[in-house]
PDB file of N, CA and C in Angstrom:
ATOM      1  N   MET A   1      99.982  91.995  35.898  1.00  0.00           N
ATOM      2  CA  MET A   1     100.138  91.839  37.330  1.00  0.00           C
ATOM      3  C   MET A   1     100.200  90.350  37.658  1.00  0.00           C
ATOM      4  N   ARG A   2     101.137  90.002  38.539  1.00  0.00           N
ATOM      5  CA  ARG A   2     101.327  88.594  38.892  1.00  0.00           C
ATOM      6  C   ARG A   2     100.414  88.201  40.033  1.00  0.00           C
ATOM      7  N   SER A   3      99.841  87.037  39.954  1.00  0.00           N
ATOM      8  CA  SER A   3      98.945  86.581  41.014  1.00  0.00           C
ATOM      9  C   SER A   3      99.697  85.986  42.199  1.00  0.00           C
ATOM     10  N   ASP A   4     100.970  85.692  42.049  1.00  0.00           N
ATOM     11  CA  ASP A   4     101.730  85.108  43.157  1.00  0.00           C
ATOM     12  C   ASP A   4     102.597  86.154  43.859  1.00  0.00           C
ATOM     13  N   ALA A   5     102.248  87.430  43.741  1.00  0.00           N
ATOM     14  CA  ALA A   5     103.006  88.492  44.396  1.00  0.00           C
ATOM     15  C   ALA A   5     102.824  88.379  45.917  1.00  0.00           C
ATOM     16  N   GLY A   6     103.905  88.566  46.651  1.00  0.00           N
ATOM     17  CA  GLY A   6     103.876  88.476  48.112  1.00  0.00           C
ATOM     18  C   GLY A   6     105.299  88.442  48.634  1.00  0.00           C
ATOM     19  N   PHE A   7     105.446  88.086  49.886  1.00  0.00           N
ATOM     20  CA  PHE A   7     106.777  88.031  50.503  1.00  0.00           C
ATOM     21  C   PHE A   7     107.457  86.722  50.137  1.00  0.00           C
ATOM     22  N   THR A   8     108.765  86.824  49.943  1.00  0.00           N
ATOM     23  CA  THR A   8     109.541  85.604  49.742  1.00  0.00           C
ATOM     24  C   THR A   8     109.896  85.037  51.111  1.00  0.00           C
ATOM     25  N   LEU A   9     110.391  83.846  51.145  1.00  0.00           N
ATOM     26  CA  LEU A   9     110.787  83.211  52.398  1.00  0.00           C
ATOM     27  C   LEU A   9     111.882  84.011  53.089  1.00  0.00           C
ATOM     28  N   ILE A  10     112.832  84.520  52.346  1.00  0.00           N
ATOM     29  CA  ILE A  10     113.925  85.317  52.927  1.00  0.00           C
ATOM     30  C   ILE A  10     113.366  86.592  53.548  1.00  0.00           C
ATOM     31  N   GLU A  11     112.458  87.271  52.873  1.00  0.00           N
ATOM     32  CA  GLU A  11     111.875  88.494  53.416  1.00  0.00           C
ATOM     33  C   GLU A  11     111.099  88.208  54.699  1.00  0.00           C
ATOM     34  N   ALA A  12     110.388  87.121  54.737  1.00  0.00           N
ATOM     35  CA  ALA A  12     109.640  86.755  55.941  1.00  0.00           C
ATOM     36  C   ALA A  12     110.582  86.441  57.094  1.00  0.00           C
ATOM     37  N   LEU A  13     111.681  85.746  56.827  1.00  0.00           N
ATOM     38  CA  LEU A  13     112.658  85.436  57.877  1.00  0.00           C
ATOM     39  C   LEU A  13     113.335  86.697  58.403  1.00  0.00           C
ATOM     40  N   VAL A  14     113.668  87.628  57.522  1.00  0.00           N
ATOM     41  CA  VAL A  14     114.279  88.893  57.960  1.00  0.00           C
ATOM     42  C   VAL A  14     113.295  89.675  58.824  1.00  0.00           C
ATOM     43  N   ALA A  15     112.040  89.722  58.440  1.00  0.00           N
ATOM     44  CA  ALA A  15     111.031  90.429  59.232  1.00  0.00           C
ATOM     45  C   ALA A  15     110.872  89.795  60.611  1.00  0.00           C
ATOM     46  N   MET A  16     110.881  88.475  60.670  1.00  0.00           N
ATOM     47  CA  MET A  16     110.776  87.786  61.968  1.00  0.00           C
ATOM     48  C   MET A  16     112.004  88.034  62.821  1.00  0.00           C
ATOM     49  N   ALA A  17     113.181  88.106  62.216  1.00  0.00           N
ATOM     50  CA  ALA A  17     114.405  88.382  62.972  1.00  0.00           C
ATOM     51  C   ALA A  17     114.371  89.791  63.553  1.00  0.00           C
ATOM     52  N   VAL A  18     113.904  90.760  62.786  1.00  0.00           N
ATOM     53  CA  VAL A  18     113.791  92.133  63.284  1.00  0.00           C
ATOM     54  C   VAL A  18     112.808  92.188  64.448  1.00  0.00           C
ATOM     55  N   LEU A  19     111.679  91.519  64.339  1.00  0.00           N
ATOM     56  CA  LEU A  19     110.712  91.488  65.442  1.00  0.00           C
ATOM     57  C   LEU A  19     111.289  90.808  66.681  1.00  0.00           C
ATOM     58  N   ALA A  20     112.064  89.748  66.491  1.00  0.00           N
ATOM     59  CA  ALA A  20     112.672  89.045  67.627  1.00  0.00           C
ATOM     60  C   ALA A  20     113.666  89.939  68.350  1.00  0.00           C
ATOM     61  N   VAL A  21     114.494  90.663  67.604  1.00  0.00           N
ATOM     62  CA  VAL A  21     115.466  91.571  68.225  1.00  0.00           C
ATOM     63  C   VAL A  21     114.738  92.673  68.992  1.00  0.00           C
ATOM     64  N   GLY A  22     113.673  93.209  68.407  1.00  0.00           N
ATOM     65  CA  GLY A  22     112.890  94.231  69.098  1.00  0.00           C
ATOM     66  C   GLY A  22     112.242  93.702  70.363  1.00  0.00           C
ATOM     67  N   ALA A  23     111.746  92.483  70.323  1.00  0.00           N
ATOM     68  CA  ALA A  23     111.122  91.881  71.507  1.00  0.00           C
ATOM     69  C   ALA A  23     112.144  91.656  72.615  1.00  0.00           C
ATOM     70  N   ILE A  24     113.338  91.233  72.257  1.00  0.00           N
ATOM     71  CA  ILE A  24     114.389  91.019  73.258  1.00  0.00           C
ATOM     72  C   ILE A  24     114.779  92.344  73.905  1.00  0.00           C
ATOM     73  N   ALA A  25     114.918  93.395  73.111  1.00  0.00           N
ATOM     74  CA  ALA A  25     115.251  94.713  73.665  1.00  0.00           C
ATOM     75  C   ALA A  25     114.145  95.199  74.599  1.00  0.00           C
ATOM     76  N   LEU A  26     112.900  95.006  74.208  1.00  0.00           N
ATOM     77  CA  LEU A  26     111.779  95.417  75.046  1.00  0.00           C
ATOM     78  C   LEU A  26     111.746  94.625  76.352  1.00  0.00           C
ATOM     79  N   LEU A  27     112.012  93.344  76.299  1.00  0.00           N
ATOM     80  CA  LEU A  27     112.044  92.518  77.498  1.00  0.00           C
ATOM     81  C   LEU A  27     113.148  92.979  78.451  1.00  0.00           C
ATOM     82  N   GLY A  28     114.311  93.312  77.917  1.00  0.00           N
ATOM     83  CA  GLY A  28     115.399  93.823  78.753  1.00  0.00           C
ATOM     84  C   GLY A  28     115.032  95.128  79.435  1.00  0.00           C
ATOM     85  N   ALA A  29     114.356  96.015  78.711  1.00  0.00           N
ATOM     86  CA  ALA A  29     113.929  97.288  79.300  1.00  0.00           C
ATOM     87  C   ALA A  29     112.910  97.062  80.406  1.00  0.00           C
ATOM     88  N   VAL A  30     111.989  96.134  80.220  1.00  0.00           N
ATOM     89  CA  VAL A  30     110.981  95.835  81.243  1.00  0.00           C
ATOM     90  C   VAL A  30     111.650  95.253  82.486  1.00  0.00           C
ATOM     91  N   GLU A  31     112.616  94.370  82.309  1.00  0.00           N
ATOM     92  CA  GLU A  31     113.329  93.789  83.455  1.00  0.00           C
ATOM     93  C   GLU A  31     114.069  94.867  84.240  1.00  0.00           C
ATOM     94  N   ARG A  32     114.720  95.801  83.554  1.00  0.00           N
ATOM     95  CA  ARG A  32     115.413  96.897  84.246  1.00  0.00           C
ATOM     96  C   ARG A  32     114.420  97.747  85.021  1.00  0.00           C
ATOM     97  N   HIS A  33     113.270  98.012  84.438  1.00  0.00           N
ATOM     98  CA  HIS A  33     112.251  98.808  85.114  1.00  0.00           C
ATOM     99  C   HIS A  33     111.756  98.098  86.380  1.00  0.00           C
ATOM    100  N   VAL A  34     111.550  96.803  86.312  1.00  0.00           N
ATOM    101  CA  VAL A  34     111.097  96.045  87.479  1.00  0.00           C
ATOM    102  C   VAL A  34     112.152  96.090  88.585  1.00  0.00           C
ATOM    103  N   ARG A  35     113.429  95.940  88.223  1.00  0.00           N
ATOM    104  CA  ARG A  35     114.503  96.015  89.226  1.00  0.00           C
ATOM    105  C   ARG A  35     114.547  97.391  89.882  1.00  0.00           C
ATOM    106  N   LEU A  36     114.374  98.452  89.101  1.00  0.00           N
ATOM    107  CA  LEU A  36     114.367  99.803  89.663  1.00  0.00           C
ATOM    108  C   LEU A  36     113.179 100.001  90.599  1.00  0.00           C
ATOM    109  N   ALA A  37     112.023  99.483  90.222  1.00  0.00           N
ATOM    110  CA  ALA A  37     110.837  99.607  91.083  1.00  0.00           C
ATOM    111  C   ALA A  37     111.031  98.840  92.388  1.00  0.00           C
ATOM    112  N   ASP A  38     111.621  97.648  92.322  1.00  0.00           N
ATOM    113  CA  ASP A  38     111.893  96.882  93.547  1.00  0.00           C
ATOM    114  C   ASP A  38     112.868  97.635  94.448  1.00  0.00           C
ATOM    115  N   GLY A  39     113.878  98.250  93.863  1.00  0.00           N
ATOM    116  CA  GLY A  39     114.832  99.033  94.647  1.00  0.00           C
ATOM    117  C   GLY A  39     114.163 100.219  95.313  1.00  0.00           C
ATOM    118  N   LEU A  40     113.232 100.854  94.624  1.00  0.00           N
ATOM    119  CA  LEU A  40     112.510 101.979  95.194  1.00  0.00           C
ATOM    120  C   LEU A  40     111.654 101.531  96.376  1.00  0.00           C
ATOM    121  N   ILE A  41     111.015 100.380  96.249  1.00  0.00           N
ATOM    122  CA  ILE A  41     110.217  99.841  97.352  1.00  0.00           C
ATOM    123  C   ILE A  41     111.108  99.565  98.561  1.00  0.00           C
ATOM    124  N   ASP A  42     112.281  98.961  98.330  1.00  0.00           N
ATOM    125  CA  ASP A  42     113.200  98.675  99.430  1.00  0.00           C
ATOM    126  C   ASP A  42     113.681  99.961 100.107  1.00  0.00           C
ATOM    127  N   ARG A  43     114.054 100.958  99.315  1.00  0.00           N
ATOM    128  CA  ARG A  43     114.543 102.209  99.903  1.00  0.00           C
ATOM    129  C   ARG A  43     113.447 102.921 100.685  1.00  0.00           C
ATOM    130  N   THR A  44     112.212 102.862 100.189  1.00  0.00           N
ATOM    131  CA  THR A  44     111.100 103.498 100.897  1.00  0.00           C
ATOM    132  C   THR A  44     110.816 102.782 102.215  1.00  0.00           C
ATOM    133  N   ALA A  45     110.785 101.458 102.203  1.00  0.00           N
ATOM    134  CA  ALA A  45     110.535 100.699 103.433  1.00  0.00           C
ATOM    135  C   ALA A  45     111.656 100.923 104.438  1.00  0.00           C
ATOM    136  N   ALA A  46     112.897 100.972 103.974  1.00  0.00           N
ATOM    137  CA  ALA A  46     114.026 101.217 104.877  1.00  0.00           C
ATOM    138  C   ALA A  46     113.940 102.617 105.472  1.00  0.00           C
ATOM    139  N   ARG A  47     113.532 103.586 104.682  1.00  0.00           N
ATOM    140  CA  ARG A  47     113.374 104.957 105.184  1.00  0.00           C
ATOM    141  C   ARG A  47     112.290 105.002 106.266  1.00  0.00           C
ATOM    142  N   TRP A  48     111.178 104.295 106.037  1.00  0.00           N
ATOM    143  CA  TRP A  48     110.124 104.243 107.045  1.00  0.00           C
ATOM    144  C   TRP A  48     110.614 103.577 108.323  1.00  0.00           C
ATOM    145  N   ALA A  49     111.432 102.537 108.193  1.00  0.00           N
ATOM    146  CA  ALA A  49     111.987 101.872 109.378  1.00  0.00           C
ATOM    147  C   ALA A  49     112.866 102.839 110.160  1.00  0.00           C
ATOM    148  N   ALA A  50     113.652 103.661 109.455  1.00  0.00           N
ATOM    149  CA  ALA A  50     114.499 104.654 110.130  1.00  0.00           C
ATOM    150  C   ALA A  50     113.643 105.719 110.818  1.00  0.00           C
ATOM    151  N   GLU A  51     112.591 106.169 110.146  1.00  0.00           N
ATOM    152  CA  GLU A  51     111.706 107.159 110.759  1.00  0.00           C
ATOM    153  C   GLU A  51     111.012 106.586 111.998  1.00  0.00           C
ATOM    154  N   ASN A  52     110.612 105.323 111.931  1.00  0.00           N
ATOM    155  CA  ASN A  52     109.999 104.681 113.098  1.00  0.00           C
ATOM    156  C   ASN A  52     110.973 104.620 114.266  1.00  0.00           C
ATOM    157  N   ARG A  53     112.236 104.294 113.970  1.00  0.00           N
ATOM    158  CA  ARG A  53     113.232 104.223 115.054  1.00  0.00           C
ATOM    159  C   ARG A  53     113.410 105.590 115.711  1.00  0.00           C
ATOM    160  N   LEU A  54     113.484 106.654 114.896  1.00  0.00           N
ATOM    161  CA  LEU A  54     113.595 107.993 115.478  1.00  0.00           C
ATOM    162  C   LEU A  54     112.362 108.345 116.301  1.00  0.00           C
ATOM    163  N   SER A  55     111.195 107.952 115.847  1.00  0.00           N
ATOM    164  CA  SER A  55     109.960 108.217 116.600  1.00  0.00           C
ATOM    165  C   SER A  55     109.966 107.468 117.923  1.00  0.00           C
ATOM    166  N   GLU A  56     110.379 106.209 117.911  1.00  0.00           N
ATOM    167  CA  GLU A  56     110.446 105.428 119.143  1.00  0.00           C
ATOM    168  C   GLU A  56     111.399 106.082 120.138  1.00  0.00           C
ATOM    169  N   LEU A  57     112.547 106.524 119.635  1.00  0.00           N
ATOM    170  CA  LEU A  57     113.514 107.165 120.525  1.00  0.00           C
ATOM    171  C   LEU A  57     112.992 108.492 121.069  1.00  0.00           C
ATOM    172  N   SER A  58     112.295 109.263 120.233  1.00  0.00           N
ATOM    173  CA  SER A  58     111.776 110.554 120.694  1.00  0.00           C
ATOM    174  C   SER A  58     110.663 110.372 121.724  1.00  0.00           C
ATOM    175  N   LEU A  59     109.947 109.233 121.663  1.00  0.00           N
ATOM    176  CA  LEU A  59     108.892 108.957 122.642  1.00  0.00           C
ATOM    177  C   LEU A  59     109.436 108.313 123.913  1.00  0.00           C
ATOM    178  N   GLY A  60     110.730 108.027 123.937  1.00  0.00           N
ATOM    179  CA  GLY A  60     111.328 107.417 125.114  1.00  0.00           C
ATOM    180  C   GLY A  60     111.092 105.926 125.209  1.00  0.00           C
ATOM    181  N   LEU A  61     110.683 105.311 124.101  1.00  0.00           N
ATOM    182  CA  LEU A  61     110.451 103.868 124.084  1.00  0.00           C
ATOM    183  C   LEU A  61     111.776 103.140 123.886  1.00  0.00           C
ATOM    184  N   ALA A  62     111.835 101.918 124.364  1.00  0.00           N
ATOM    185  CA  ALA A  62     113.018 101.093 124.146  1.00  0.00           C
ATOM    186  C   ALA A  62     112.781 100.268 122.889  1.00  0.00           C
ATOM    187  N   PRO A  63     113.357 100.666 121.757  1.00  0.00           N
ATOM    188  CA  PRO A  63     113.105  99.929 120.506  1.00  0.00           C
ATOM    189  C   PRO A  63     113.751  98.553 120.521  1.00  0.00           C
ATOM    190  N   ASP A  64     113.231  97.677 119.667  1.00  0.00           N
ATOM    191  CA  ASP A  64     113.785  96.337 119.498  1.00  0.00           C
ATOM    192  C   ASP A  64     115.240  96.466 119.058  1.00  0.00           C
ATOM    193  N   ALA A  65     116.130  95.844 119.767  1.00  0.00           N
ATOM    194  CA  ALA A  65     117.570  95.989 119.527  1.00  0.00           C
ATOM    195  C   ALA A  65     117.956  95.516 118.132  1.00  0.00           C
ATOM    196  N   GLY A  66     118.264  96.457 117.275  1.00  0.00           N
ATOM    197  CA  GLY A  66     118.808  96.140 115.969  1.00  0.00           C
ATOM    198  C   GLY A  66     117.846  95.617 114.939  1.00  0.00           C
ATOM    199  N   ARG A  67     116.562  95.499 115.237  1.00  0.00           N
ATOM    200  CA  ARG A  67     115.607  94.928 114.281  1.00  0.00           C
ATOM    201  C   ARG A  67     114.390  95.844 114.129  1.00  0.00           C
ATOM    202  N   SER A  68     113.848  95.836 112.932  1.00  0.00           N
ATOM    203  CA  SER A  68     112.597  96.526 112.659  1.00  0.00           C
ATOM    204  C   SER A  68     111.915  95.793 111.517  1.00  0.00           C
ATOM    205  N   SER A  69     110.609  95.736 111.561  1.00  0.00           N
ATOM    206  CA  SER A  69     109.852  95.073 110.506  1.00  0.00           C
ATOM    207  C   SER A  69     109.064  96.123 109.736  1.00  0.00           C
ATOM    208  N   MET A  70     109.176  96.061 108.408  1.00  0.00           N
ATOM    209  CA  MET A  70     108.462  97.016 107.574  1.00  0.00           C
ATOM    210  C   MET A  70     108.134  96.351 106.244  1.00  0.00           C
ATOM    211  N   LEU A  71     106.883  96.419 105.825  1.00  0.00           N
ATOM    212  CA  LEU A  71     106.402  95.822 104.576  1.00  0.00           C
ATOM    213  C   LEU A  71     106.737  94.334 104.479  1.00  0.00           C
ATOM    214  N   GLY A  72     106.599  93.642 105.593  1.00  0.00           N
ATOM    215  CA  GLY A  72     106.818  92.202 105.607  1.00  0.00           C
ATOM    216  C   GLY A  72     108.269  91.777 105.589  1.00  0.00           C
ATOM    217  N   ARG A  73     109.186  92.702 105.738  1.00  0.00           N
ATOM    218  CA  ARG A  73     110.611  92.362 105.759  1.00  0.00           C
ATOM    219  C   ARG A  73     111.226  92.820 107.063  1.00  0.00           C
ATOM    220  N   ALA A  74     112.192  92.072 107.522  1.00  0.00           N
ATOM    221  CA  ALA A  74     112.937  92.454 108.723  1.00  0.00           C
ATOM    222  C   ALA A  74     114.145  93.271 108.279  1.00  0.00           C
ATOM    223  N   TRP A  75     114.366  94.391 108.937  1.00  0.00           N
ATOM    224  CA  TRP A  75     115.481  95.273 108.621  1.00  0.00           C
ATOM    225  C   TRP A  75     116.420  95.342 109.817  1.00  0.00           C
ATOM    226  N   ARG A  76     117.700  95.421 109.559  1.00  0.00           N
ATOM    227  CA  ARG A  76     118.681  95.626 110.624  1.00  0.00           C
ATOM    228  C   ARG A  76     118.881  97.125 110.777  1.00  0.00           C
ATOM    229  N   VAL A  77     118.582  97.641 111.974  1.00  0.00           N
ATOM    230  CA  VAL A  77     118.627  99.077 112.226  1.00  0.00           C
ATOM    231  C   VAL A  77     119.715  99.366 113.261  1.00  0.00           C
ATOM    232  N   VAL A  78     120.583 100.291 112.920  1.00  0.00           N
ATOM    233  CA  VAL A  78     121.673 100.697 113.814  1.00  0.00           C
ATOM    234  C   VAL A  78     121.520 102.181 114.084  1.00  0.00           C
ATOM    235  N   ASP A  79     121.423 102.551 115.369  1.00  0.00           N
ATOM    236  CA  ASP A  79     121.348 103.980 115.688  1.00  0.00           C
ATOM    237  C   ASP A  79     122.525 104.352 116.582  1.00  0.00           C
ATOM    238  N   GLU A  80     123.084 105.506 116.288  1.00  0.00           N
ATOM    239  CA  GLU A  80     124.211 106.036 117.055  1.00  0.00           C
ATOM    240  C   GLU A  80     123.837 107.423 117.544  1.00  0.00           C
ATOM    241  N   SER A  81     124.068 107.665 118.819  1.00  0.00           N
ATOM    242  CA  SER A  81     123.762 108.985 119.368  1.00  0.00           C
ATOM    243  C   SER A  81     125.063 109.724 119.661  1.00  0.00           C
ATOM    244  N   ARG A  82     125.021 111.022 119.450  1.00  0.00           N
ATOM    245  CA  ARG A  82     126.176 111.884 119.707  1.00  0.00           C
ATOM    246  C   ARG A  82     125.700 113.156 120.391  1.00  0.00           C
ATOM    247  N   ALA A  83     126.520 113.646 121.250  1.00  0.00           N
ATOM    248  CA  ALA A  83     126.210 114.915 121.904  1.00  0.00           C
ATOM    249  C   ALA A  83     126.401 116.049 120.901  1.00  0.00           C
ATOM    250  N   THR A  84     125.683 117.131 121.142  1.00  0.00           N
ATOM    251  CA  THR A  84     125.825 118.332 120.320  1.00  0.00           C
ATOM    252  C   THR A  84     126.326 119.460 121.203  1.00  0.00           C
ATOM    253  N   ALA A  85     126.498 120.624 120.623  1.00  0.00           N
ATOM    254  CA  ALA A  85     126.948 121.787 121.406  1.00  0.00           C
ATOM    255  C   ALA A  85     125.904 122.174 122.455  1.00  0.00           C
ATOM    256  N   ASP A  86     124.646 121.887 122.193  1.00  0.00           N
ATOM    257  CA  ASP A  86     123.572 122.148 123.149  1.00  0.00           C
ATOM    258  C   ASP A  86     123.424 120.915 124.044  1.00  0.00           C
ATOM    259  N   PRO A  87     123.594 121.053 125.349  1.00  0.00           N
ATOM    260  CA  PRO A  87     123.525 119.875 126.234  1.00  0.00           C
ATOM    261  C   PRO A  87     122.136 119.225 126.281  1.00  0.00           C
ATOM    262  N   ASP A  88     121.089 119.937 125.880  1.00  0.00           N
ATOM    263  CA  ASP A  88     119.738 119.379 125.880  1.00  0.00           C
ATOM    264  C   ASP A  88     119.346 118.795 124.533  1.00  0.00           C
ATOM    265  N   LEU A  89     120.290 118.739 123.598  1.00  0.00           N
ATOM    266  CA  LEU A  89     119.999 118.249 122.258  1.00  0.00           C
ATOM    267  C   LEU A  89     120.948 117.105 121.928  1.00  0.00           C
ATOM    268  N   LEU A  90     120.388 116.026 121.445  1.00  0.00           N
ATOM    269  CA  LEU A  90     121.159 114.837 121.101  1.00  0.00           C
ATOM    270  C   LEU A  90     120.974 114.530 119.620  1.00  0.00           C
ATOM    271  N   ARG A  91     122.073 114.263 118.925  1.00  0.00           N
ATOM    272  CA  ARG A  91     122.001 113.902 117.503  1.00  0.00           C
ATOM    273  C   ARG A  91     121.920 112.382 117.404  1.00  0.00           C
ATOM    274  N   ILE A  92     120.963 111.893 116.621  1.00  0.00           N
ATOM    275  CA  ILE A  92     120.790 110.462 116.406  1.00  0.00           C
ATOM    276  C   ILE A  92     120.964 110.173 114.918  1.00  0.00           C
ATOM    277  N   ASP A  93     121.910 109.308 114.587  1.00  0.00           N
ATOM    278  CA  ASP A  93     122.112 108.848 113.216  1.00  0.00           C
ATOM    279  C   ASP A  93     121.588 107.422 113.119  1.00  0.00           C
ATOM    280  N   VAL A  94     120.600 107.203 112.255  1.00  0.00           N
ATOM    281  CA  VAL A  94     119.992 105.887 112.082  1.00  0.00           C
ATOM    282  C   VAL A  94     120.366 105.361 110.707  1.00  0.00           C
ATOM    283  N   SER A  95     120.935 104.151 110.677  1.00  0.00           N
ATOM    284  CA  SER A  95     121.267 103.476 109.421  1.00  0.00           C
ATOM    285  C   SER A  95     120.464 102.189 109.350  1.00  0.00           C
ATOM    286  N   VAL A  96     119.888 101.913 108.173  1.00  0.00           N
ATOM    287  CA  VAL A  96     119.057 100.726 107.984  1.00  0.00           C
ATOM    288  C   VAL A  96     119.691  99.868 106.899  1.00  0.00           C
ATOM    289  N   TYR A  97     119.898  98.600 107.237  1.00  0.00           N
ATOM    290  CA  TYR A  97     120.513  97.636 106.320  1.00  0.00           C
ATOM    291  C   TYR A  97     119.502  96.539 105.992  1.00  0.00           C
ATOM    292  N   GLY A  98     119.721  95.874 104.877  1.00  0.00           N
ATOM    293  CA  GLY A  98     118.878  94.737 104.511  1.00  0.00           C
ATOM    294  C   GLY A  98     119.013  93.633 105.538  1.00  0.00           C
ATOM    295  N   PRO A  99     118.057  92.727 105.585  1.00  0.00           N
ATOM    296  CA  PRO A  99     118.070  91.688 106.620  1.00  0.00           C
ATOM    297  C   PRO A  99     119.258  90.743 106.515  1.00  0.00           C
ATOM    298  N   ASP A 100     119.790  90.540 105.324  1.00  0.00           N
ATOM    299  CA  ASP A 100     120.902  89.610 105.148  1.00  0.00           C
ATOM    300  C   ASP A 100     122.239  90.312 105.032  1.00  0.00           C
ATOM    301  N   ASP A 101     122.269  91.612 105.238  1.00  0.00           N
ATOM    302  CA  ASP A 101     123.487  92.390 105.048  1.00  0.00           C
ATOM    303  C   ASP A 101     124.289  92.425 106.346  1.00  0.00           C
ATOM    304  N   ARG A 102     125.300  91.593 106.426  1.00  0.00           N
ATOM    305  CA  ARG A 102     126.166  91.546 107.611  1.00  0.00           C
ATOM    306  C   ARG A 102     127.496  92.248 107.368  1.00  0.00           C
ATOM    307  N   SER A 103     127.723  92.678 106.156  1.00  0.00           N
ATOM    308  CA  SER A 103     128.985  93.326 105.828  1.00  0.00           C
ATOM    309  C   SER A 103     128.927  94.803 106.189  1.00  0.00           C
ATOM    310  N   ASN A 104     129.994  95.489 105.903  1.00  0.00           N
ATOM    311  CA  ASN A 104     130.054  96.922 106.143  1.00  0.00           C
ATOM    312  C   ASN A 104     129.617  97.689 104.895  1.00  0.00           C
ATOM    313  N   ALA A 105     128.685  97.124 104.152  1.00  0.00           N
ATOM    314  CA  ALA A 105     128.190  97.761 102.935  1.00  0.00           C
ATOM    315  C   ALA A 105     127.409  99.024 103.303  1.00  0.00           C
ATOM    316  N   ASP A 106     127.141  99.816 102.306  1.00  0.00           N
ATOM    317  CA  ASP A 106     126.363 101.027 102.528  1.00  0.00           C
ATOM    318  C   ASP A 106     124.946 100.661 102.950  1.00  0.00           C
ATOM    319  N   PRO A 107     124.367 101.446 103.849  1.00  0.00           N
ATOM    320  CA  PRO A 107     122.993 101.152 104.274  1.00  0.00           C
ATOM    321  C   PRO A 107     122.003 101.455 103.154  1.00  0.00           C
ATOM    322  N   VAL A 108     120.847 100.819 103.238  1.00  0.00           N
ATOM    323  CA  VAL A 108     119.782 101.063 102.276  1.00  0.00           C
ATOM    324  C   VAL A 108     119.206 102.459 102.506  1.00  0.00           C
ATOM    325  N   ALA A 109     119.127 102.877 103.776  1.00  0.00           N
ATOM    326  CA  ALA A 109     118.634 104.213 104.127  1.00  0.00           C
ATOM    327  C   ALA A 109     119.436 104.738 105.310  1.00  0.00           C
ATOM    328  N   ARG A 110     119.568 106.041 105.346  1.00  0.00           N
ATOM    329  CA  ARG A 110     120.282 106.710 106.437  1.00  0.00           C
ATOM    330  C   ARG A 110     119.485 107.959 106.788  1.00  0.00           C
ATOM    331  N   LEU A 111     119.285 108.188 108.088  1.00  0.00           N
ATOM    332  CA  LEU A 111     118.479 109.320 108.537  1.00  0.00           C
ATOM    333  C   LEU A 111     119.114 109.904 109.792  1.00  0.00           C
ATOM    334  N   THR A 112     119.115 111.224 109.887  1.00  0.00           N
ATOM    335  CA  THR A 112     119.640 111.916 111.053  1.00  0.00           C
ATOM    336  C   THR A 112     118.525 112.727 111.682  1.00  0.00           C
ATOM    337  N   GLY A 113     118.431 112.645 112.999  1.00  0.00           N
ATOM    338  CA  GLY A 113     117.429 113.414 113.726  1.00  0.00           C
ATOM    339  C   GLY A 113     118.033 113.979 114.997  1.00  0.00           C
ATOM    340  N   PHE A 114     117.321 114.885 115.607  1.00  0.00           N
ATOM    341  CA  PHE A 114     117.770 115.512 116.844  1.00  0.00           C
ATOM    342  C   PHE A 114     116.681 115.361 117.883  1.00  0.00           C
ATOM    343  N   LEU A 115     117.087 114.996 119.094  1.00  0.00           N
ATOM    344  CA  LEU A 115     116.138 114.790 120.189  1.00  0.00           C
ATOM    345  C   LEU A 115     116.377 115.806 121.286  1.00  0.00           C
ATOM    346  N   ASP A 116     115.295 116.382 121.770  1.00  0.00           N
ATOM    347  CA  ASP A 116     115.359 117.266 122.916  1.00  0.00           C
ATOM    348  C   ASP A 116     115.295 116.386 124.159  1.00  0.00           C
ATOM    349  N   ILE A 117     116.437 116.189 124.789  1.00  0.00           N
ATOM    350  CA  ILE A 117     116.479 115.265 125.923  1.00  0.00           C
ATOM    351  C   ILE A 117     116.249 115.967 127.246  1.00  0.00           C
ATOM    352  N   GLY A 118     116.360 117.260 127.298  1.00  0.00           N
ATOM    353  CA  GLY A 118     116.061 118.025 128.527  1.00  0.00           C
ATOM    354  C   GLY A 118     116.785 117.492 129.741  1.00  0.00           C
ATOM    355  N   GLY A 119     118.030 117.069 129.587  1.00  0.00           N
ATOM    356  CA  GLY A 119     118.818 116.571 130.698  1.00  0.00           C
ATOM    357  C   GLY A 119     118.713 115.086 130.905  1.00  0.00           C
ATOM    358  N   ALA A 120     117.865 114.364 130.170  1.00  0.00           N
ATOM    359  CA  ALA A 120     117.712 112.911 130.327  1.00  0.00           C
ATOM    360  C   ALA A 120     118.054 112.225 129.011  1.00  0.00           C
ATOM    361  N   ARG A 121     118.592 111.051 129.094  1.00  0.00           N
ATOM    362  CA  ARG A 121     118.909 110.255 127.892  1.00  0.00           C
ATOM    363  C   ARG A 121     117.664 109.531 127.424  1.00  0.00           C
ATOM    364  N   PRO A 122     117.535 109.296 126.099  1.00  0.00           N
ATOM    365  CA  PRO A 122     116.345 108.564 125.606  1.00  0.00           C
ATOM    366  C   PRO A 122     116.262 107.168 126.189  1.00  0.00           C
ATOM    367  N   GLY A 123     115.056 106.723 126.434  1.00  0.00           N
ATOM    368  CA  GLY A 123     114.843 105.394 126.977  1.00  0.00           C
ATOM    369  C   GLY A 123     114.942 105.341 128.492  1.00  0.00           C
ATOM    370  N   ALA A 124     115.382 106.432 129.121  1.00  0.00           N
ATOM    371  CA  ALA A 124     115.542 106.448 130.567  1.00  0.00           C
ATOM    372  C   ALA A 124     114.316 107.024 131.262  1.00  0.00           C
ATOM    373  N   GLY A 125     113.272 107.334 130.491  1.00  0.00           N
ATOM    374  CA  GLY A 125     112.073 107.934 131.067  1.00  0.00           C
ATOM    375  C   GLY A 125     112.238 109.430 131.190  1.00  0.00           C
ATOM    376  N   ARG A 126     111.135 110.131 131.333  1.00  0.00           N
ATOM    377  CA  ARG A 126     111.219 111.604 131.394  1.00  0.00           C
ATOM    378  C   ARG A 126     110.507 112.113 132.601  1.00  0.00           C
TER     379      ARG A 126
END
């Protein structure tokens, strides 16, 4: 038995290269996971902003024109109302965009609700 048995320099370099490639792949997977989690947080906050806008409209409050704050971020909120076949029911489509989104890009969240207006328009008092 030889007393100098062990890894050669080439074997050690190959092992380090394999570990480096594995570490890079793992780092890429972690970065993708973080981006997905950030996107989920944004979509959830935008959804809450849309729900708040529908709640404000259903309570007859005059919401802040085009703006909503949720989780420390300002969101651009656009609501469109349409008449329905029932004259006492109004359809409200709420779209929420990121604060810097001025283009016609897809909204971060979109929500549709119906308001019982009972002959009065929202925000006009009941």
